C-alpha atoms as a PDB file:
ATOM      1  CA  MET A   1      90.664 117.460  83.435  1.00  0.00           C
ATOM      2  CA  GLU A   2      87.546 118.320  85.382  1.00  0.00           C
ATOM      3  CA  GLU A   3      88.091 118.284  89.065  1.00  0.00           C
ATOM      4  CA  PRO A   4      85.832 115.450  90.970  1.00  0.00           C
ATOM      5  CA  GLY A   5      83.247 116.746  93.804  1.00  0.00           C
ATOM      6  CA  GLN A   6      84.261 117.316  97.183  1.00  0.00           C
ATOM      7  CA  ILE A   7      83.470 113.971  98.692  1.00  0.00           C
ATOM      8  CA  LYS A   8      85.312 112.092  95.704  1.00  0.00           C
ATOM      9  CA  ARG A   9      88.297 114.467  96.042  1.00  0.00           C
ATOM     10  CA  ALA A  10      88.423 113.710  99.694  1.00  0.00           C
ATOM     11  CA  LEU A  11      88.216 109.999  99.068  1.00  0.00           C
ATOM     12  CA  ILE A  12      91.019 110.221  96.516  1.00  0.00           C
ATOM     13  CA  ASP A  13      93.292 112.244  98.910  1.00  0.00           C
ATOM     14  CA  ALA A  14      92.654 109.884 101.724  1.00  0.00           C
ATOM     15  CA  THR A  15      93.295 106.806  99.589  1.00  0.00           C
ATOM     16  CA  ALA A  16      96.476 108.231  98.151  1.00  0.00           C
ATOM     17  CA  GLY A  17      97.563 109.285 101.502  1.00  0.00           C
ATOM     18  CA  ALA A  18      97.005 106.139 102.994  1.00  0.00           C
ATOM     19  CA  LEU A  19      98.775 104.015 100.400  1.00  0.00           C
ATOM     20  CA  SER A  20     101.818 106.367 100.334  1.00  0.00           C
ATOM     21  CA  GLY A  21     102.183 106.231 104.004  1.00  0.00           C
ATOM     22  CA  GLY A  22     101.945 102.541 104.151  1.00  0.00           C
ATOM     23  CA  ILE A  23     104.437 101.976 101.349  1.00  0.00           C
ATOM     24  CA  SER A  24     106.906 104.635 102.841  1.00  0.00           C
ATOM     25  CA  ARG A  25     106.585 103.143 106.359  1.00  0.00           C
ATOM     26  CA  THR A  26     107.234  99.533 105.442  1.00  0.00           C
ATOM     27  CA  VAL A  27     110.407 100.522 103.450  1.00  0.00           C
ATOM     28  CA  THR A  28     111.943 102.399 106.193  1.00  0.00           C
ATOM     29  CA  SER A  29     110.629 100.386 109.173  1.00  0.00           C
ATOM     30  CA  PRO A  30     114.398  99.002 110.153  1.00  0.00           C
ATOM     31  CA  LEU A  31     115.669 102.585 110.428  1.00  0.00           C
ATOM     32  CA  ASP A  32     112.805 103.660 112.523  1.00  0.00           C
ATOM     33  CA  VAL A  33     113.196 100.904 115.042  1.00  0.00           C
ATOM     34  CA  ILE A  34     116.676 101.783 115.304  1.00  0.00           C
ATOM     35  CA  LYS A  35     116.067 105.461 115.783  1.00  0.00           C
ATOM     36  CA  ILE A  36     113.485 104.686 118.617  1.00  0.00           C
ATOM     37  CA  ARG A  37     115.854 102.573 120.356  1.00  0.00           C
ATOM     38  CA  PHE A  38     118.471 105.256 120.323  1.00  0.00           C
ATOM     39  CA  GLN A  39     116.173 108.045 121.494  1.00  0.00           C
ATOM     40  CA  VAL A  40     114.724 106.235 124.615  1.00  0.00           C
ATOM     41  CA  GLN A  41     118.137 105.128 125.924  1.00  0.00           C
ATOM     42  CA  VAL A  42     119.371 107.212 128.649  1.00  0.00           C
ATOM     43  CA  GLU A  43     122.879 106.154 128.592  1.00  0.00           C
ATOM     44  CA  PRO A  44     125.286 107.130 125.829  1.00  0.00           C
ATOM     45  CA  THR A  45     124.185 105.547 122.507  1.00  0.00           C
ATOM     46  CA  THR A  46     127.145 103.161 122.208  1.00  0.00           C
ATOM     47  CA  GLN A  47     125.391  99.649 122.991  1.00  0.00           C
ATOM     48  CA  TRP A  48     125.462  97.624 119.990  1.00  0.00           C
ATOM     49  CA  ALA A  49     122.545  95.599 121.539  1.00  0.00           C
ATOM     50  CA  LEU A  50     120.469  98.409 120.230  1.00  0.00           C
ATOM     51  CA  LEU A  51     121.365  97.252 116.629  1.00  0.00           C
ATOM     52  CA  ARG A  52     120.647  93.732 117.127  1.00  0.00           C
ATOM     53  CA  LYS A  53     119.254  92.357 113.810  1.00  0.00           C
ATOM     54  CA  ASP A  54     116.227  90.750 115.225  1.00  0.00           C
ATOM     55  CA  GLY A  55     112.984  92.557 115.362  1.00  0.00           C
ATOM     56  CA  PHE A  56     113.582  95.424 112.722  1.00  0.00           C
ATOM     57  CA  TRP A  57     110.107  95.213 111.735  1.00  0.00           C
ATOM     58  CA  ARG A  58     108.781  94.852 115.168  1.00  0.00           C
ATOM     59  CA  GLY A  59     105.824  97.250 115.695  1.00  0.00           C
ATOM     60  CA  ASN A  60     105.287  97.611 112.064  1.00  0.00           C
ATOM     61  CA  VAL A  61     101.559  96.525 112.183  1.00  0.00           C
ATOM     62  CA  PRO A  62     100.577  99.172 114.743  1.00  0.00           C
ATOM     63  CA  ALA A  63     102.871 101.600 112.702  1.00  0.00           C
ATOM     64  CA  LEU A  64     101.036 101.029 109.617  1.00  0.00           C
ATOM     65  CA  LEU A  65      97.641 101.212 111.545  1.00  0.00           C
ATOM     66  CA  MET A  66      99.122 104.819 112.626  1.00  0.00           C
ATOM     67  CA  VAL A  67     100.776 105.968 109.507  1.00  0.00           C
ATOM     68  CA  MET A  68      97.888 105.081 107.004  1.00  0.00           C
ATOM     69  CA  PRO A  69      95.316 106.850 108.858  1.00  0.00           C
ATOM     70  CA  TYR A  70      97.719 109.601 109.630  1.00  0.00           C
ATOM     71  CA  THR A  71      98.608 110.445 106.023  1.00  0.00           C
ATOM     72  CA  ALA A  72      95.170 109.713 104.886  1.00  0.00           C
ATOM     73  CA  ILE A  73      94.090 112.455 107.330  1.00  0.00           C
ATOM     74  CA  GLN A  74      96.883 114.654 106.601  1.00  0.00           C
ATOM     75  CA  PHE A  75      96.726 114.952 102.957  1.00  0.00           C
ATOM     76  CA  THR A  76      92.879 115.117 103.020  1.00  0.00           C
ATOM     77  CA  VAL A  77      92.923 118.287 105.434  1.00  0.00           C
ATOM     78  CA  LEU A  78      95.858 119.567 103.635  1.00  0.00           C
ATOM     79  CA  HIS A  79      94.070 119.680 100.365  1.00  0.00           C
ATOM     80  CA  LYS A  80      91.047 121.297 101.710  1.00  0.00           C
ATOM     81  CA  LEU A  81      93.009 123.921 103.437  1.00  0.00           C
ATOM     82  CA  LYS A  82      94.871 124.810 100.331  1.00  0.00           C
ATOM     83  CA  THR A  83      91.778 124.682  98.252  1.00  0.00           C
ATOM     84  CA  MET A  84      90.144 127.273 100.717  1.00  0.00           C
ATOM     85  CA  ALA A  85      93.269 129.362 100.612  1.00  0.00           C
ATOM     86  CA  ALA A  86      93.690 129.276  96.969  1.00  0.00           C
ATOM     87  CA  GLY A  87      89.955 129.417  95.950  1.00  0.00           C
ATOM     88  CA  SER A  88      90.480 126.281  93.633  1.00  0.00           C
ATOM     89  CA  SER A  89      90.397 122.594  94.252  1.00  0.00           C
ATOM     90  CA  LYS A  90      93.188 122.205  91.401  1.00  0.00           C
ATOM     91  CA  SER A  91      96.463 120.997  92.785  1.00  0.00           C
ATOM     92  CA  GLU A  92      98.390 123.063  90.310  1.00  0.00           C
ATOM     93  CA  ASN A  93      97.076 126.324  91.615  1.00  0.00           C
ATOM     94  CA  HIS A  94      98.150 125.323  95.170  1.00  0.00           C
ATOM     95  CA  ILE A  95     101.768 125.476  94.202  1.00  0.00           C
ATOM     96  CA  HIS A  96     101.425 129.056  93.718  1.00  0.00           C
ATOM     97  CA  LEU A  97     100.272 129.868  97.408  1.00  0.00           C
ATOM     98  CA  SER A  98     102.562 131.825  99.678  1.00  0.00           C
ATOM     99  CA  PRO A  99     105.117 130.037 101.510  1.00  0.00           C
ATOM    100  CA  TYR A 100     103.212 131.299 104.926  1.00  0.00           C
ATOM    101  CA  LEU A 101     100.094 129.514 103.714  1.00  0.00           C
ATOM    102  CA  SER A 102     101.908 126.251 102.854  1.00  0.00           C
ATOM    103  CA  TYR A 103     103.459 126.183 106.374  1.00  0.00           C
ATOM    104  CA  ILE A 104     100.356 126.834 108.073  1.00  0.00           C
ATOM    105  CA  SER A 105      98.199 124.486 106.091  1.00  0.00           C
ATOM    106  CA  GLY A 106     100.836 121.577 106.665  1.00  0.00           C
ATOM    107  CA  ALA A 107     101.057 122.562 110.401  1.00  0.00           C
ATOM    108  CA  LEU A 108      97.257 122.360 110.825  1.00  0.00           C
ATOM    109  CA  ALA A 109      96.953 119.136 108.931  1.00  0.00           C
ATOM    110  CA  GLY A 110      99.741 117.538 110.919  1.00  0.00           C
ATOM    111  CA  CYS A 111      97.806 118.350 114.061  1.00  0.00           C
ATOM    112  CA  ALA A 112      94.667 116.887 112.702  1.00  0.00           C
ATOM    113  CA  ALA A 113      96.358 113.729 111.683  1.00  0.00           C
ATOM    114  CA  THR A 114      98.251 113.349 114.952  1.00  0.00           C
ATOM    115  CA  VAL A 115      95.320 113.597 117.215  1.00  0.00           C
ATOM    116  CA  GLY A 116      93.324 111.098 114.804  1.00  0.00           C
ATOM    117  CA  SER A 117      95.985 108.478 114.795  1.00  0.00           C
ATOM    118  CA  TYR A 118      98.034 108.947 118.158  1.00  0.00           C
ATOM    119  CA  PRO A 119      97.040 105.905 120.158  1.00  0.00           C
ATOM    120  CA  PHE A 120      98.680 103.700 117.437  1.00  0.00           C
ATOM    121  CA  ASP A 121     101.772 105.970 117.347  1.00  0.00           C
ATOM    122  CA  LEU A 122     102.051 105.288 121.244  1.00  0.00           C
ATOM    123  CA  LEU A 123     101.733 101.516 120.768  1.00  0.00           C
ATOM    124  CA  ARG A 124     104.158 101.563 117.888  1.00  0.00           C
ATOM    125  CA  THR A 125     106.826 103.327 120.047  1.00  0.00           C
ATOM    126  CA  ILE A 126     106.252 100.773 123.059  1.00  0.00           C
ATOM    127  CA  LEU A 127     106.519  97.678 120.811  1.00  0.00           C
ATOM    128  CA  ALA A 128     109.647  98.986 119.049  1.00  0.00           C
ATOM    129  CA  SER A 129     111.558 100.016 122.064  1.00  0.00           C
ATOM    130  CA  GLN A 130     110.773  97.021 124.458  1.00  0.00           C
ATOM    131  CA  GLY A 131     113.408  94.954 122.891  1.00  0.00           C
ATOM    132  CA  GLU A 132     114.001  91.329 124.046  1.00  0.00           C
ATOM    133  CA  PRO A 133     112.343  89.397 125.952  1.00  0.00           C
ATOM    134  CA  LYS A 134     108.992  91.060 125.134  1.00  0.00           C
ATOM    135  CA  VAL A 135     107.137  92.750 127.816  1.00  0.00           C
ATOM    136  CA  TYR A 136     104.141  92.734 125.458  1.00  0.00           C
ATOM    137  CA  PRO A 137     103.699  89.856 123.066  1.00  0.00           C
ATOM    138  CA  SER A 138     101.252  91.649 120.880  1.00  0.00           C
ATOM    139  CA  MET A 139      99.564  95.193 120.123  1.00  0.00           C
ATOM    140  CA  ARG A 140      96.544  93.909 121.937  1.00  0.00           C
ATOM    141  CA  SER A 141      98.359  92.942 125.099  1.00  0.00           C
ATOM    142  CA  ALA A 142      99.974  96.630 125.220  1.00  0.00           C
ATOM    143  CA  PHE A 143      96.643  98.099 124.479  1.00  0.00           C
ATOM    144  CA  VAL A 144      94.712  96.035 127.365  1.00  0.00           C
ATOM    145  CA  HIS A 145      97.581  96.763 129.912  1.00  0.00           C
ATOM    146  CA  ILE A 146      97.607 100.425 129.165  1.00  0.00           C
ATOM    147  CA  ILE A 147      93.898 100.746 129.584  1.00  0.00           C
ATOM    148  CA  GLU A 148      94.013  98.790 132.774  1.00  0.00           C
ATOM    149  CA  THR A 149      96.870 100.743 134.409  1.00  0.00           C
ATOM    150  CA  ARG A 150      96.489 104.273 132.942  1.00  0.00           C
ATOM    151  CA  GLY A 151      92.968 104.347 131.326  1.00  0.00           C
ATOM    152  CA  ILE A 152      92.081 105.970 128.251  1.00  0.00           C
ATOM    153  CA  GLN A 153      94.266 108.808 128.992  1.00  0.00           C
ATOM    154  CA  GLY A 154      97.195 106.581 128.782  1.00  0.00           C
ATOM    155  CA  LEU A 155      96.778 106.077 125.254  1.00  0.00           C
ATOM    156  CA  TYR A 156      97.454 109.867 124.937  1.00  0.00           C
ATOM    157  CA  ALA A 157     100.626 109.847 126.962  1.00  0.00           C
ATOM    158  CA  GLY A 158     102.826 112.340 125.353  1.00  0.00           C
ATOM    159  CA  LEU A 159     100.186 113.965 123.027  1.00  0.00           C
ATOM    160  CA  THR A 160     101.261 117.499 124.188  1.00  0.00           C
ATOM    161  CA  PRO A 161     104.963 117.326 123.250  1.00  0.00           C
ATOM    162  CA  THR A 162     103.844 115.534 120.040  1.00  0.00           C
ATOM    163  CA  LEU A 163     101.676 118.543 119.140  1.00  0.00           C
ATOM    164  CA  VAL A 164     104.443 120.890 119.939  1.00  0.00           C
ATOM    165  CA  GLU A 165     106.821 119.003 117.750  1.00  0.00           C
ATOM    166  CA  ILE A 166     104.324 118.267 114.813  1.00  0.00           C
ATOM    167  CA  VAL A 167     103.550 121.839 114.353  1.00  0.00           C
ATOM    168  CA  PRO A 168     107.082 122.898 113.149  1.00  0.00           C
ATOM    169  CA  TYR A 169     107.675 119.499 111.723  1.00  0.00           C
ATOM    170  CA  ALA A 170     104.670 119.320 109.420  1.00  0.00           C
ATOM    171  CA  GLY A 171     104.797 123.082 108.666  1.00  0.00           C
ATOM    172  CA  LEU A 172     108.557 122.611 107.587  1.00  0.00           C
ATOM    173  CA  GLN A 173     108.077 119.548 105.568  1.00  0.00           C
ATOM    174  CA  PHE A 174     105.106 120.663 103.720  1.00  0.00           C
ATOM    175  CA  GLY A 175     106.211 124.202 103.361  1.00  0.00           C
ATOM    176  CA  THR A 176     109.847 123.332 102.364  1.00  0.00           C
ATOM    177  CA  TYR A 177     108.352 120.709  99.784  1.00  0.00           C
ATOM    178  CA  ASP A 178     106.381 123.339  97.900  1.00  0.00           C
ATOM    179  CA  THR A 179     109.239 125.867  98.063  1.00  0.00           C
ATOM    180  CA  PHE A 180     111.614 123.248  96.621  1.00  0.00           C
ATOM    181  CA  LYS A 181     109.033 122.248  94.021  1.00  0.00           C
ATOM    182  CA  ARG A 182     108.705 126.013  92.981  1.00  0.00           C
ATOM    183  CA  TRP A 183     112.419 126.226  92.841  1.00  0.00           C
ATOM    184  CA  THR A 184     112.789 123.215  90.579  1.00  0.00           C
ATOM    185  CA  MET A 185     109.959 124.611  88.362  1.00  0.00           C
ATOM    186  CA  ALA A 186     111.796 127.680  87.976  1.00  0.00           C
ATOM    187  CA  TRP A 187     114.846 125.872  87.215  1.00  0.00           C
ATOM    188  CA  ASN A 188     113.178 123.832  84.559  1.00  0.00           C
ATOM    189  CA  HIS A 189     111.893 127.144  82.914  1.00  0.00           C
ATOM    190  CA  PHE A 190     115.501 128.502  83.081  1.00  0.00           C
ATOM    191  CA  ARG A 191     117.090 125.401  81.394  1.00  0.00           C
ATOM    192  CA  SER A 192     114.211 125.139  78.717  1.00  0.00           C
ATOM    193  CA  SER A 193     115.154 126.496  75.408  1.00  0.00           C
ATOM    194  CA  ASP A 194     111.611 127.899  74.841  1.00  0.00           C
ATOM    195  CA  ALA A 195     110.446 129.078  78.386  1.00  0.00           C
ATOM    196  CA  SER A 196     106.883 129.949  77.126  1.00  0.00           C
ATOM    197  CA  ARG A 197     106.349 126.284  76.268  1.00  0.00           C
ATOM    198  CA  ALA A 198     107.915 124.941  79.300  1.00  0.00           C
ATOM    199  CA  ASP A 199     105.254 123.345  81.708  1.00  0.00           C
ATOM    200  CA  ASP A 200     105.252 123.053  85.564  1.00  0.00           C
ATOM    201  CA  THR A 201     105.240 119.127  85.445  1.00  0.00           C
ATOM    202  CA  LEU A 202     108.214 117.634  87.472  1.00  0.00           C
ATOM    203  CA  SER A 203     109.686 114.234  86.923  1.00  0.00           C
ATOM    204  CA  SER A 204     109.494 111.689  89.539  1.00  0.00           C
ATOM    205  CA  PHE A 205     113.190 112.200  90.362  1.00  0.00           C
ATOM    206  CA  GLN A 206     112.758 115.727  90.947  1.00  0.00           C
ATOM    207  CA  LEU A 207     109.777 115.159  93.081  1.00  0.00           C
ATOM    208  CA  PHE A 208     111.824 112.484  95.025  1.00  0.00           C
ATOM    209  CA  LEU A 209     114.568 115.038  95.665  1.00  0.00           C
ATOM    210  CA  CYS A 210     112.145 117.664  96.688  1.00  0.00           C
ATOM    211  CA  GLY A 211     110.729 115.101  99.214  1.00  0.00           C
ATOM    212  CA  LEU A 212     114.232 114.183 100.244  1.00  0.00           C
ATOM    213  CA  ALA A 213     115.273 117.728 100.965  1.00  0.00           C
ATOM    214  CA  SER A 214     112.070 118.736 102.811  1.00  0.00           C
ATOM    215  CA  GLY A 215     112.119 115.566 104.995  1.00  0.00           C
ATOM    216  CA  THR A 216     115.749 116.295 105.929  1.00  0.00           C
ATOM    217  CA  CYS A 217     115.226 119.867 106.867  1.00  0.00           C
ATOM    218  CA  ALA A 218     112.207 119.303 108.984  1.00  0.00           C
ATOM    219  CA  LYS A 219     113.824 116.259 110.811  1.00  0.00           C
ATOM    220  CA  ALA A 220     117.141 118.114 111.616  1.00  0.00           C
ATOM    221  CA  VAL A 221     115.134 120.997 113.163  1.00  0.00           C
ATOM    222  CA  CYS A 222     112.572 119.107 115.063  1.00  0.00           C
ATOM    223  CA  HIS A 223     114.542 116.194 116.241  1.00  0.00           C
ATOM    224  CA  PRO A 224     115.172 117.102 120.059  1.00  0.00           C
ATOM    225  CA  LEU A 225     111.186 117.397 120.308  1.00  0.00           C
ATOM    226  CA  ASP A 226     110.943 114.052 118.910  1.00  0.00           C
ATOM    227  CA  VAL A 227     113.298 112.687 121.495  1.00  0.00           C
ATOM    228  CA  VAL A 228     111.272 114.449 124.318  1.00  0.00           C
ATOM    229  CA  LYS A 229     108.219 112.627 122.908  1.00  0.00           C
ATOM    230  CA  LYS A 230     109.686 109.337 122.784  1.00  0.00           C
ATOM    231  CA  ARG A 231     110.672 109.487 126.443  1.00  0.00           C
ATOM    232  CA  TYR A 232     107.091 110.468 127.492  1.00  0.00           C
ATOM    233  CA  GLN A 233     105.521 107.593 125.493  1.00  0.00           C
ATOM    234  CA  ILE A 234     107.821 104.881 127.109  1.00  0.00           C
ATOM    235  CA  LYS A 235     107.627 106.170 130.784  1.00  0.00           C
ATOM    236  CA  GLY A 236     107.389 103.174 133.329  1.00  0.00           C
ATOM    237  CA  LEU A 237     107.930 100.421 130.557  1.00  0.00           C
ATOM    238  CA  GLN A 238     109.895  97.535 131.810  1.00  0.00           C
ATOM    239  CA  ARG A 239     112.514  96.323 129.403  1.00  0.00           C
ATOM    240  CA  ASP A 240     115.711  94.345 129.227  1.00  0.00           C
ATOM    241  CA  PRO A 241     118.787  96.247 130.674  1.00  0.00           C
ATOM    242  CA  ARG A 242     120.693  95.521 127.325  1.00  0.00           C
ATOM    243  CA  TYR A 243     118.337  98.249 125.695  1.00  0.00           C
ATOM    244  CA  GLY A 244     118.962 100.720 128.381  1.00  0.00           C
ATOM    245  CA  ALA A 245     117.808 101.917 131.850  1.00  0.00           C
ATOM    246  CA  ARG A 246     114.072 102.209 132.628  1.00  0.00           C
ATOM    247  CA  VAL A 247     112.579 105.760 132.083  1.00  0.00           C
ATOM    248  CA  GLU A 248     110.550 105.951 135.557  1.00  0.00           C
ATOM    249  CA  HIS A 249     106.840 106.744 135.283  1.00  0.00           C
ATOM    250  CA  GLN A 250     107.108 110.116 137.147  1.00  0.00           C
ATOM    251  CA  ALA A 251     110.542 111.011 135.406  1.00  0.00           C
ATOM    252  CA  TYR A 252     109.317 114.209 133.982  1.00  0.00           C
ATOM    253  CA  LYS A 253     106.938 116.826 135.277  1.00  0.00           C
ATOM    254  CA  ASN A 254     106.208 118.568 132.001  1.00  0.00           C
ATOM    255  CA  MET A 255     107.870 118.971 128.532  1.00  0.00           C
ATOM    256  CA  TYR A 256     110.344 121.777 129.836  1.00  0.00           C
ATOM    257  CA  ASP A 257     111.340 119.694 132.729  1.00  0.00           C
ATOM    258  CA  ALA A 258     112.220 116.704 130.227  1.00  0.00           C
ATOM    259  CA  LEU A 259     114.344 119.090 128.047  1.00  0.00           C
ATOM    260  CA  ARG A 260     116.012 120.432 131.212  1.00  0.00           C
ATOM    261  CA  GLN A 261     116.838 116.822 132.544  1.00  0.00           C
ATOM    262  CA  ILE A 262     118.125 115.473 129.416  1.00  0.00           C
ATOM    263  CA  LEU A 263     120.383 118.714 128.741  1.00  0.00           C
ATOM    264  CA  LEU A 264     121.632 118.288 132.551  1.00  0.00           C
ATOM    265  CA  ARG A 265     122.214 114.528 132.573  1.00  0.00           C
ATOM    266  CA  GLU A 266     123.074 113.684 129.002  1.00  0.00           C
ATOM    267  CA  GLY A 267     124.134 117.145 127.450  1.00  0.00           C
ATOM    268  CA  TRP A 268     123.142 118.511 124.157  1.00  0.00           C
ATOM    269  CA  ALA A 269     123.986 115.150 122.541  1.00  0.00           C
ATOM    270  CA  GLY A 270     121.225 113.619 124.473  1.00  0.00           C
ATOM    271  CA  LEU A 271     118.656 115.910 122.390  1.00  0.00           C
ATOM    272  CA  TYR A 272     120.239 114.425 119.169  1.00  0.00           C
ATOM    273  CA  LYS A 273     120.192 110.781 120.034  1.00  0.00           C
ATOM    274  CA  GLY A 274     119.261 108.715 117.099  1.00  0.00           C
ATOM    275  CA  ILE A 275     119.656 111.855 114.763  1.00  0.00           C
ATOM    276  CA  ILE A 276     121.683 110.040 112.082  1.00  0.00           C
ATOM    277  CA  PRO A 277     119.263 106.894 111.565  1.00  0.00           C
ATOM    278  CA  SER A 278     116.201 109.525 111.965  1.00  0.00           C
ATOM    279  CA  ILE A 279     117.421 111.677 109.261  1.00  0.00           C
ATOM    280  CA  VAL A 280     118.401 108.509 107.167  1.00  0.00           C
ATOM    281  CA  LYS A 281     114.838 107.360 107.591  1.00  0.00           C
ATOM    282  CA  ALA A 282     112.968 110.524 107.523  1.00  0.00           C
ATOM    283  CA  ALA A 283     114.647 111.851 104.099  1.00  0.00           C
ATOM    284  CA  PRO A 284     113.599 108.640 102.020  1.00  0.00           C
ATOM    285  CA  ALA A 285     110.422 108.380 103.993  1.00  0.00           C
ATOM    286  CA  GLY A 286     109.361 111.722 103.015  1.00  0.00           C
ATOM    287  CA  ALA A 287     110.332 111.471  99.457  1.00  0.00           C
ATOM    288  CA  VAL A 288     108.674 108.044  98.849  1.00  0.00           C
ATOM    289  CA  THR A 289     105.535 109.461 100.745  1.00  0.00           C
ATOM    290  CA  PHE A 290     105.314 112.560  98.444  1.00  0.00           C
ATOM    291  CA  VAL A 291     106.162 110.712  95.275  1.00  0.00           C
ATOM    292  CA  ALA A 292     103.734 107.956  95.862  1.00  0.00           C
ATOM    293  CA  TYR A 293     101.084 110.349  96.868  1.00  0.00           C
ATOM    294  CA  GLU A 294     101.433 112.412  93.671  1.00  0.00           C
ATOM    295  CA  PHE A 295     101.327 109.584  91.370  1.00  0.00           C
ATOM    296  CA  THR A 296      98.559 107.745  93.286  1.00  0.00           C
ATOM    297  CA  SER A 297      96.568 110.866  93.406  1.00  0.00           C
ATOM    298  CA  ASP A 298      97.094 111.522  89.524  1.00  0.00           C
ATOM    299  CA  TRP A 299      96.228 108.123  88.816  1.00  0.00           C
ATOM    300  CA  SER A 300      92.995 107.953  90.968  1.00  0.00           C
ATOM    301  CA  LEU A 301      91.795 111.314  89.314  1.00  0.00           C
ATOM    302  CA  LEU A 302      92.254 109.767  85.726  1.00  0.00           C
ATOM    303  CA  ILE A 303      90.529 106.687  86.877  1.00  0.00           C
ATOM    304  CA  VAL A 304      87.714 108.731  88.215  1.00  0.00           C
ATOM    305  CA  ALA A 305      87.455 110.817  85.204  1.00  0.00           C
ATOM    306  CA  LYS A 306      87.362 107.701  82.851  1.00  0.00           C
ATOM    307  CA  LEU A 307      84.663 106.139  84.781  1.00  0.00           C
ATOM    308  CA  GLU A 308      82.452 109.198  84.660  1.00  0.00           C
ATOM    309  CA  GLY A 309      83.071 109.543  81.164  1.00  0.00           C
ATOM    310  CA  ILE A 310      81.760 106.057  80.433  1.00  0.00           C
ATOM    311  CA  ASN A 311      78.864 106.616  82.850  1.00  0.00           C
ATOM    312  CA  GLN A 312      77.838 109.706  80.670  1.00  0.00           C
ATOM    313  CA  ARG A 313      78.155 107.859  77.490  1.00  0.00           C
ATOM    314  CA  LEU A 314      76.073 104.875  78.870  1.00  0.00           C
ATOM    315  CA  ASN A 315      73.208 107.525  80.018  1.00  0.00           C
END
């Protein structure tokens, strides 16, 4: 099948990325809320108030506004970078890139997506962690208050630790995903009775397992950095004591200071608060995102090819 032009390809990647991110985010929202409440709690994570059944989809609208442009930018930039590295825009040629290029492409795509969608990530974290009674009744009220009290820069609180986190996280997620896909293809060839006729097509279940494994690896390694990022994002937020003590506005001087204070006051366990719901959420989220993207992208390419064929016949 002939590859579409650069603009059409970018639109396909952006659309497929946005849809896959939206589907994944909505399905895993309750786990994300639980994870955030654990991460921003200064005390030992034994308070059952964190697991109250109300509000498991709290902050899902700003989360969707964050995730959909994030994944749209991420997959668009990722495909462009891999195209430049492989010298071909065909996705089947990208899988044969060296692991190092896969990791670097994923890391750079993650950075671009983070900068482009960060204010929504901040608002999502604040709305999800405030508990009851609500400090901010809506995303708009949170946005206005941040602008009034901290200015535009307040919407980017915690951006530095986020970028420090996203470089290894996105690199590991996309790098290991490509690696697991290559291993699975090799396994399919090994199991095939006629290796010469075996193709590189993976089943949806195999893609799901590759995404599951890559999401687990990336989150397990980078979770401490995510904890630090969340603490930065909710500094100064007033919330009900049932959901943990307030993280003061000047609690941390920098990222290193935040890591040091968490270790001193909460021990190593403090850096891994929320690790279980985080992995339980990240693993299926990564799997759903990758599978949804692969299928949406392939479906979009087929639709574009058919429309172009019809247009050529009419002309």
